[in-house]
Amino acid sequence: MPEVTISRRFDFSSSHRYYREEWSEEENTRVFGLCALPNGHGHNYTLEVSVSGEPDPATGMVINLVDLKGAVDGVLINFDHKHLNLDTPYFSERIPTTENLATVLWDEVAAALAARPGIPDGWRLARIRLHETEDLYVEYFGEPA
């Protein structure tokens, strides 16, 4: 049976600040520009989660979208309407760039899907695409096998 990829979009809002404690304000501003403002700034993110695998012969689905939505919604509750630097544990030692946020979301979504009961074997998380704006997005495909 052929491998198929199914994707679903999710929206959430977060704020963040790019800042390195060991750098001066001037250096942070030079490197990060407006992203280094003391109070941070926010985005309305769009997350696309893609899962690949062979469709189940009984259901015709790679993954039930109810399960995908439930798993991802359970992850995004930790990010939605949060200041990523202050309200989450993920960015205490790394800057919450879109690149870093995408890799964190990958790890969290993969774990949530793996832990969700009733999802049949044979699926794999294929891609995370995180839109910071309409014109800017990051794609992450996981660690090389």
N, C-alpha and C. Protein backbone atom coordinates (compact mmCIF):
# COMPACT_ATOMS: atom_id res chain seq x y z
N MET A 1 0.85 -1.18 0.00
CA MET A 1 0.00 0.00 0.00
C MET A 1 0.90 1.25 0.00
N PRO A 2 0.51 2.31 -0.65
CA PRO A 2 1.35 3.52 -0.74
C PRO A 2 1.37 4.31 0.57
N GLU A 3 2.50 5.02 0.78
CA GLU A 3 2.56 5.93 1.92
C GLU A 3 1.84 7.22 1.54
N VAL A 4 1.08 7.73 2.50
CA VAL A 4 0.31 8.95 2.32
C VAL A 4 0.65 9.90 3.46
N THR A 5 0.63 11.20 3.17
CA THR A 5 0.86 12.21 4.20
C THR A 5 -0.39 13.05 4.35
N ILE A 6 -0.80 13.22 5.60
CA ILE A 6 -1.96 14.06 5.91
C ILE A 6 -1.49 15.18 6.83
N SER A 7 -2.01 16.38 6.61
CA SER A 7 -1.59 17.55 7.38
C SER A 7 -2.81 18.28 7.93
N ARG A 8 -2.60 18.91 9.09
CA ARG A 8 -3.66 19.72 9.69
C ARG A 8 -3.03 21.00 10.23
N ARG A 9 -3.79 22.09 10.14
CA ARG A 9 -3.33 23.40 10.60
C ARG A 9 -3.94 23.72 11.96
N PHE A 10 -3.15 24.44 12.76
CA PHE A 10 -3.55 24.88 14.10
C PHE A 10 -3.08 26.32 14.27
N ASP A 11 -3.82 27.11 14.99
CA ASP A 11 -3.44 28.50 15.26
C ASP A 11 -3.25 28.70 16.75
N PHE A 12 -2.24 29.49 17.10
CA PHE A 12 -2.04 29.88 18.48
C PHE A 12 -1.28 31.20 18.50
N SER A 13 -1.34 31.87 19.64
CA SER A 13 -0.68 33.18 19.80
C SER A 13 0.29 33.11 20.96
N SER A 14 1.47 33.66 20.75
CA SER A 14 2.49 33.71 21.80
C SER A 14 3.32 34.96 21.63
N SER A 15 3.97 35.35 22.72
CA SER A 15 4.93 36.44 22.64
C SER A 15 6.30 35.91 23.05
N HIS A 16 7.32 36.67 22.71
CA HIS A 16 8.68 36.25 23.03
C HIS A 16 9.63 37.44 22.93
N ARG A 17 10.85 37.19 23.40
CA ARG A 17 11.92 38.19 23.30
C ARG A 17 13.21 37.46 22.96
N TYR A 18 13.95 38.00 22.01
CA TYR A 18 15.27 37.48 21.70
C TYR A 18 16.27 38.29 22.51
N TYR A 19 17.01 37.61 23.37
CA TYR A 19 17.91 38.34 24.26
C TYR A 19 18.91 37.36 24.87
N ARG A 20 20.15 37.77 24.91
CA ARG A 20 21.19 37.00 25.57
C ARG A 20 21.68 37.81 26.77
N GLU A 21 21.53 37.21 27.96
CA GLU A 21 21.91 37.89 29.21
C GLU A 21 23.35 38.36 29.21
N GLU A 22 24.25 37.57 28.61
CA GLU A 22 25.68 37.90 28.65
C GLU A 22 26.07 39.02 27.68
N TRP A 23 25.13 39.45 26.85
CA TRP A 23 25.40 40.54 25.90
C TRP A 23 24.84 41.85 26.46
N SER A 24 25.40 42.93 26.02
CA SER A 24 24.88 44.25 26.38
C SER A 24 23.57 44.50 25.64
N GLU A 25 22.84 45.51 26.12
CA GLU A 25 21.62 45.92 25.41
C GLU A 25 21.94 46.30 23.97
N GLU A 26 23.04 46.99 23.78
CA GLU A 26 23.44 47.43 22.43
C GLU A 26 23.71 46.24 21.52
N GLU A 27 24.41 45.23 22.04
CA GLU A 27 24.72 44.04 21.23
C GLU A 27 23.44 43.27 20.91
N ASN A 28 22.56 43.11 21.89
CA ASN A 28 21.29 42.44 21.64
C ASN A 28 20.48 43.17 20.58
N THR A 29 20.44 44.49 20.67
CA THR A 29 19.70 45.28 19.69
C THR A 29 20.35 45.19 18.32
N ARG A 30 21.67 45.20 18.27
CA ARG A 30 22.37 45.09 16.99
C ARG A 30 22.08 43.75 16.30
N VAL A 31 22.09 42.67 17.06
CA VAL A 31 21.90 41.34 16.49
C VAL A 31 20.42 41.03 16.25
N PHE A 32 19.57 41.36 17.21
CA PHE A 32 18.18 40.93 17.16
C PHE A 32 17.19 42.03 16.77
N GLY A 33 17.65 43.26 16.68
CA GLY A 33 16.77 44.36 16.27
C GLY A 33 15.58 44.51 17.19
N LEU A 34 14.41 44.71 16.61
CA LEU A 34 13.19 44.93 17.39
C LEU A 34 12.81 43.71 18.22
N CYS A 35 13.31 42.54 17.87
CA CYS A 35 13.01 41.33 18.65
C CYS A 35 13.63 41.37 20.04
N ALA A 36 14.54 42.31 20.28
CA ALA A 36 15.19 42.43 21.59
C ALA A 36 14.50 43.45 22.49
N LEU A 37 13.41 44.04 22.07
CA LEU A 37 12.71 45.02 22.91
C LEU A 37 12.43 44.43 24.30
N PRO A 38 12.57 45.20 25.34
CA PRO A 38 12.45 44.67 26.71
C PRO A 38 11.16 43.91 27.01
N ASN A 39 10.04 44.35 26.47
CA ASN A 39 8.78 43.66 26.75
C ASN A 39 8.44 42.59 25.72
N GLY A 40 9.30 42.40 24.74
CA GLY A 40 9.05 41.39 23.72
C GLY A 40 7.99 41.84 22.73
N HIS A 41 7.54 40.89 21.95
CA HIS A 41 6.49 41.14 20.96
C HIS A 41 5.80 39.81 20.69
N GLY A 42 4.67 39.84 20.01
CA GLY A 42 3.91 38.62 19.82
C GLY A 42 3.60 38.31 18.37
N HIS A 43 3.14 37.07 18.17
CA HIS A 43 2.76 36.59 16.84
C HIS A 43 1.51 35.74 16.94
N ASN A 44 0.75 35.73 15.88
CA ASN A 44 -0.33 34.77 15.70
C ASN A 44 0.25 33.68 14.79
N TYR A 45 0.68 32.60 15.41
CA TYR A 45 1.34 31.52 14.69
C TYR A 45 0.33 30.59 14.02
N THR A 46 0.75 29.99 12.93
CA THR A 46 0.02 28.88 12.34
C THR A 46 0.97 27.69 12.30
N LEU A 47 0.54 26.60 12.86
CA LEU A 47 1.32 25.37 12.91
C LEU A 47 0.67 24.35 11.98
N GLU A 48 1.46 23.77 11.11
CA GLU A 48 1.00 22.66 10.29
C GLU A 48 1.72 21.41 10.75
N VAL A 49 0.96 20.37 11.04
CA VAL A 49 1.52 19.09 11.47
C VAL A 49 1.18 18.06 10.40
N SER A 50 2.21 17.37 9.91
CA SER A 50 2.03 16.36 8.86
C SER A 50 2.44 15.00 9.40
N VAL A 51 1.57 14.02 9.17
CA VAL A 51 1.81 12.64 9.60
C VAL A 51 1.76 11.76 8.36
N SER A 52 2.73 10.85 8.24
CA SER A 52 2.80 9.96 7.08
C SER A 52 2.68 8.50 7.51
N GLY A 53 2.25 7.69 6.58
CA GLY A 53 2.15 6.26 6.80
C GLY A 53 1.25 5.63 5.77
N GLU A 54 1.09 4.33 5.90
CA GLU A 54 0.16 3.61 5.03
C GLU A 54 -1.23 3.71 5.64
N PRO A 55 -2.22 4.02 4.85
CA PRO A 55 -3.59 4.04 5.39
C PRO A 55 -3.98 2.68 5.97
N ASP A 56 -4.65 2.71 7.09
CA ASP A 56 -5.13 1.49 7.72
C ASP A 56 -6.14 0.83 6.80
N PRO A 57 -6.01 -0.45 6.54
CA PRO A 57 -6.95 -1.11 5.62
C PRO A 57 -8.41 -1.04 6.09
N ALA A 58 -8.63 -1.04 7.40
CA ALA A 58 -10.00 -1.03 7.92
C ALA A 58 -10.64 0.36 7.86
N THR A 59 -9.83 1.42 8.10
CA THR A 59 -10.41 2.76 8.18
C THR A 59 -10.08 3.63 6.97
N GLY A 60 -9.01 3.27 6.25
CA GLY A 60 -8.57 4.10 5.14
C GLY A 60 -7.80 5.34 5.58
N MET A 61 -7.47 5.42 6.87
CA MET A 61 -6.79 6.61 7.41
C MET A 61 -5.38 6.28 7.88
N VAL A 62 -4.47 7.24 7.71
CA VAL A 62 -3.14 7.14 8.31
C VAL A 62 -3.27 7.36 9.80
N ILE A 63 -4.03 8.38 10.16
CA ILE A 63 -4.31 8.71 11.56
C ILE A 63 -5.69 9.37 11.59
N ASN A 64 -6.44 9.08 12.61
CA ASN A 64 -7.73 9.72 12.76
C ASN A 64 -7.49 11.18 13.14
N LEU A 65 -8.08 12.11 12.40
CA LEU A 65 -7.85 13.53 12.65
C LEU A 65 -8.35 13.97 14.04
N VAL A 66 -9.28 13.25 14.61
CA VAL A 66 -9.71 13.55 15.98
C VAL A 66 -8.54 13.32 16.93
N ASP A 67 -7.80 12.23 16.72
CA ASP A 67 -6.64 11.95 17.55
C ASP A 67 -5.52 12.96 17.33
N LEU A 68 -5.29 13.32 16.07
CA LEU A 68 -4.26 14.32 15.76
C LEU A 68 -4.61 15.65 16.41
N LYS A 69 -5.85 16.08 16.25
CA LYS A 69 -6.27 17.36 16.84
C LYS A 69 -6.16 17.32 18.36
N GLY A 70 -6.59 16.24 18.97
CA GLY A 70 -6.52 16.13 20.43
C GLY A 70 -5.09 16.18 20.95
N ALA A 71 -4.19 15.49 20.27
CA ALA A 71 -2.79 15.48 20.70
C ALA A 71 -2.16 16.86 20.55
N VAL A 72 -2.37 17.50 19.41
CA VAL A 72 -1.75 18.81 19.16
C VAL A 72 -2.39 19.88 20.05
N ASP A 73 -3.69 19.85 20.21
CA ASP A 73 -4.34 20.81 21.11
C ASP A 73 -3.79 20.68 22.53
N GLY A 74 -3.52 19.44 22.95
CA GLY A 74 -2.95 19.21 24.28
C GLY A 74 -1.56 19.79 24.43
N VAL A 75 -0.82 19.87 23.34
CA VAL A 75 0.50 20.50 23.35
C VAL A 75 0.37 22.02 23.33
N LEU A 76 -0.46 22.52 22.44
CA LEU A 76 -0.54 23.97 22.24
C LEU A 76 -1.10 24.73 23.44
N ILE A 77 -1.80 24.05 24.32
CA ILE A 77 -2.30 24.72 25.52
C ILE A 77 -1.13 25.27 26.35
N ASN A 78 0.05 24.68 26.18
CA ASN A 78 1.24 25.12 26.91
C ASN A 78 1.92 26.33 26.25
N PHE A 79 1.49 26.70 25.06
CA PHE A 79 2.11 27.79 24.31
C PHE A 79 1.15 28.93 23.99
N ASP A 80 -0.14 28.63 23.88
CA ASP A 80 -1.12 29.62 23.44
C ASP A 80 -1.31 30.70 24.50
N HIS A 81 -1.22 31.95 24.07
CA HIS A 81 -1.35 33.12 24.93
C HIS A 81 -0.36 33.08 26.09
N LYS A 82 0.86 32.63 25.77
CA LYS A 82 1.93 32.58 26.75
C LYS A 82 3.10 33.42 26.24
N HIS A 83 3.87 33.96 27.18
CA HIS A 83 5.16 34.58 26.85
C HIS A 83 6.17 33.45 26.90
N LEU A 84 6.73 33.09 25.76
CA LEU A 84 7.56 31.89 25.67
C LEU A 84 8.76 31.94 26.61
N ASN A 85 9.34 33.12 26.80
CA ASN A 85 10.50 33.24 27.69
C ASN A 85 10.10 33.07 29.16
N LEU A 86 8.94 33.55 29.52
CA LEU A 86 8.57 33.64 30.93
C LEU A 86 7.60 32.55 31.39
N ASP A 87 6.74 32.08 30.51
CA ASP A 87 5.65 31.19 30.91
C ASP A 87 5.84 29.73 30.51
N THR A 88 6.95 29.40 29.87
CA THR A 88 7.19 28.02 29.47
C THR A 88 8.60 27.62 29.93
N PRO A 89 8.83 26.34 30.18
CA PRO A 89 10.17 25.90 30.59
C PRO A 89 11.13 25.70 29.42
N TYR A 90 10.64 25.78 28.21
CA TYR A 90 11.42 25.39 27.04
C TYR A 90 12.49 26.39 26.65
N PHE A 91 12.34 27.63 27.08
CA PHE A 91 13.24 28.67 26.59
C PHE A 91 14.01 29.36 27.71
N SER A 92 14.25 28.64 28.77
CA SER A 92 15.05 29.21 29.85
C SER A 92 16.52 29.30 29.46
N GLU A 93 16.97 28.43 28.55
CA GLU A 93 18.37 28.43 28.14
C GLU A 93 18.58 28.56 26.64
N ARG A 94 17.52 28.80 25.90
CA ARG A 94 17.65 29.02 24.46
C ARG A 94 16.68 30.12 24.03
N ILE A 95 17.04 30.77 22.97
CA ILE A 95 16.25 31.89 22.47
C ILE A 95 15.03 31.34 21.71
N PRO A 96 13.85 31.89 21.96
CA PRO A 96 12.64 31.36 21.33
C PRO A 96 12.45 31.83 19.88
N THR A 97 13.45 31.52 19.06
CA THR A 97 13.32 31.80 17.63
C THR A 97 12.27 30.87 17.03
N THR A 98 11.85 31.19 15.86
CA THR A 98 10.90 30.31 15.17
C THR A 98 11.52 28.94 14.94
N GLU A 99 12.82 28.92 14.64
CA GLU A 99 13.52 27.64 14.44
C GLU A 99 13.49 26.80 15.72
N ASN A 100 13.83 27.42 16.85
CA ASN A 100 13.84 26.68 18.11
C ASN A 100 12.43 26.27 18.53
N LEU A 101 11.46 27.14 18.31
CA LEU A 101 10.08 26.79 18.64
C LEU A 101 9.60 25.60 17.82
N ALA A 102 9.96 25.56 16.55
CA ALA A 102 9.56 24.43 15.70
C ALA A 102 10.12 23.11 16.20
N THR A 103 11.38 23.11 16.65
CA THR A 103 11.97 21.85 17.13
C THR A 103 11.34 21.42 18.46
N VAL A 104 11.02 22.39 19.32
CA VAL A 104 10.34 22.07 20.57
C VAL A 104 8.96 21.50 20.27
N LEU A 105 8.23 22.14 19.36
CA LEU A 105 6.90 21.64 19.01
C LEU A 105 6.97 20.23 18.42
N TRP A 106 7.97 19.96 17.60
CA TRP A 106 8.16 18.61 17.06
C TRP A 106 8.25 17.59 18.20
N ASP A 107 9.15 17.86 19.15
CA ASP A 107 9.35 16.92 20.26
C ASP A 107 8.08 16.72 21.05
N GLU A 108 7.38 17.81 21.33
CA GLU A 108 6.16 17.73 22.13
C GLU A 108 5.02 17.02 21.39
N VAL A 109 4.85 17.34 20.11
CA VAL A 109 3.80 16.70 19.32
C VAL A 109 4.11 15.21 19.14
N ALA A 110 5.35 14.87 18.84
CA ALA A 110 5.72 13.46 18.67
C ALA A 110 5.43 12.67 19.94
N ALA A 111 5.78 13.23 21.09
CA ALA A 111 5.53 12.56 22.37
C ALA A 111 4.03 12.44 22.63
N ALA A 112 3.27 13.48 22.35
CA ALA A 112 1.82 13.45 22.58
C ALA A 112 1.14 12.42 21.69
N LEU A 113 1.57 12.33 20.45
CA LEU A 113 0.98 11.32 19.55
C LEU A 113 1.35 9.91 20.00
N ALA A 114 2.60 9.71 20.38
CA ALA A 114 3.05 8.39 20.81
C ALA A 114 2.32 7.93 22.07
N ALA A 115 1.97 8.87 22.93
CA ALA A 115 1.31 8.53 24.20
C ALA A 115 -0.21 8.41 24.08
N ARG A 116 -0.74 8.83 22.97
CA ARG A 116 -2.21 8.85 22.83
C ARG A 116 -2.72 7.44 22.56
N PRO A 117 -3.63 6.94 23.39
CA PRO A 117 -4.16 5.59 23.18
C PRO A 117 -5.03 5.51 21.93
N GLY A 118 -4.99 4.37 21.28
CA GLY A 118 -5.88 4.12 20.15
C GLY A 118 -5.34 4.49 18.79
N ILE A 119 -4.16 5.13 18.73
CA ILE A 119 -3.58 5.44 17.43
C ILE A 119 -2.87 4.20 16.93
N PRO A 120 -3.24 3.70 15.75
CA PRO A 120 -2.61 2.48 15.25
C PRO A 120 -1.14 2.68 14.91
N ASP A 121 -0.40 1.59 14.89
CA ASP A 121 1.01 1.64 14.51
C ASP A 121 1.15 2.01 13.04
N GLY A 122 2.36 2.38 12.66
CA GLY A 122 2.65 2.61 11.25
C GLY A 122 2.71 4.06 10.83
N TRP A 123 2.39 4.99 11.71
CA TRP A 123 2.47 6.41 11.37
C TRP A 123 3.84 6.94 11.78
N ARG A 124 4.20 8.07 11.20
CA ARG A 124 5.40 8.80 11.65
C ARG A 124 5.14 10.29 11.47
N LEU A 125 5.64 11.06 12.39
CA LEU A 125 5.58 12.50 12.24
C LEU A 125 6.52 12.87 11.11
N ALA A 126 5.99 13.49 10.08
CA ALA A 126 6.77 13.75 8.86
C ALA A 126 7.30 15.17 8.78
N ARG A 127 6.52 16.13 9.29
CA ARG A 127 6.93 17.53 9.14
C ARG A 127 6.16 18.41 10.10
N ILE A 128 6.86 19.41 10.58
CA ILE A 128 6.25 20.53 11.29
C ILE A 128 6.55 21.77 10.45
N ARG A 129 5.54 22.53 10.12
CA ARG A 129 5.75 23.84 9.47
C ARG A 129 5.12 24.88 10.40
N LEU A 130 5.95 25.81 10.82
CA LEU A 130 5.50 26.83 11.75
C LEU A 130 5.60 28.19 11.08
N HIS A 131 4.46 28.82 10.88
CA HIS A 131 4.38 30.16 10.29
C HIS A 131 4.41 31.19 11.42
N GLU A 132 5.42 32.05 11.39
CA GLU A 132 5.44 33.17 12.33
C GLU A 132 4.60 34.32 11.78
N THR A 133 4.67 34.50 10.49
CA THR A 133 3.85 35.47 9.77
C THR A 133 3.41 34.80 8.48
N GLU A 134 2.66 35.52 7.70
CA GLU A 134 2.22 34.99 6.40
C GLU A 134 3.41 34.72 5.48
N ASP A 135 4.46 35.51 5.64
CA ASP A 135 5.62 35.42 4.75
C ASP A 135 6.81 34.66 5.33
N LEU A 136 6.76 34.27 6.59
CA LEU A 136 7.90 33.63 7.24
C LEU A 136 7.47 32.34 7.90
N TYR A 137 8.12 31.25 7.53
CA TYR A 137 7.85 29.98 8.19
C TYR A 137 9.11 29.15 8.25
N VAL A 138 9.09 28.19 9.16
CA VAL A 138 10.17 27.23 9.34
C VAL A 138 9.58 25.85 9.14
N GLU A 139 10.33 24.98 8.46
CA GLU A 139 9.94 23.58 8.35
C GLU A 139 10.97 22.74 9.08
N TYR A 140 10.49 21.75 9.82
CA TYR A 140 11.37 20.84 10.52
C TYR A 140 10.89 19.43 10.26
N PHE A 141 11.84 18.55 9.93
CA PHE A 141 11.53 17.18 9.54
C PHE A 141 12.05 16.17 10.56
N GLY A 142 12.49 16.63 11.71
CA GLY A 142 13.02 15.74 12.73
C GLY A 142 14.49 15.44 12.51
N GLU A 143 15.04 14.71 13.44
CA GLU A 143 16.45 14.32 13.35
C GLU A 143 16.62 13.28 12.25
N PRO A 144 17.74 13.34 11.52
CA PRO A 144 17.99 12.32 10.50
C PRO A 144 18.05 10.93 11.12
N ALA A 145 17.50 9.97 10.41
CA ALA A 145 17.47 8.59 10.93
C ALA A 145 18.83 7.93 10.83
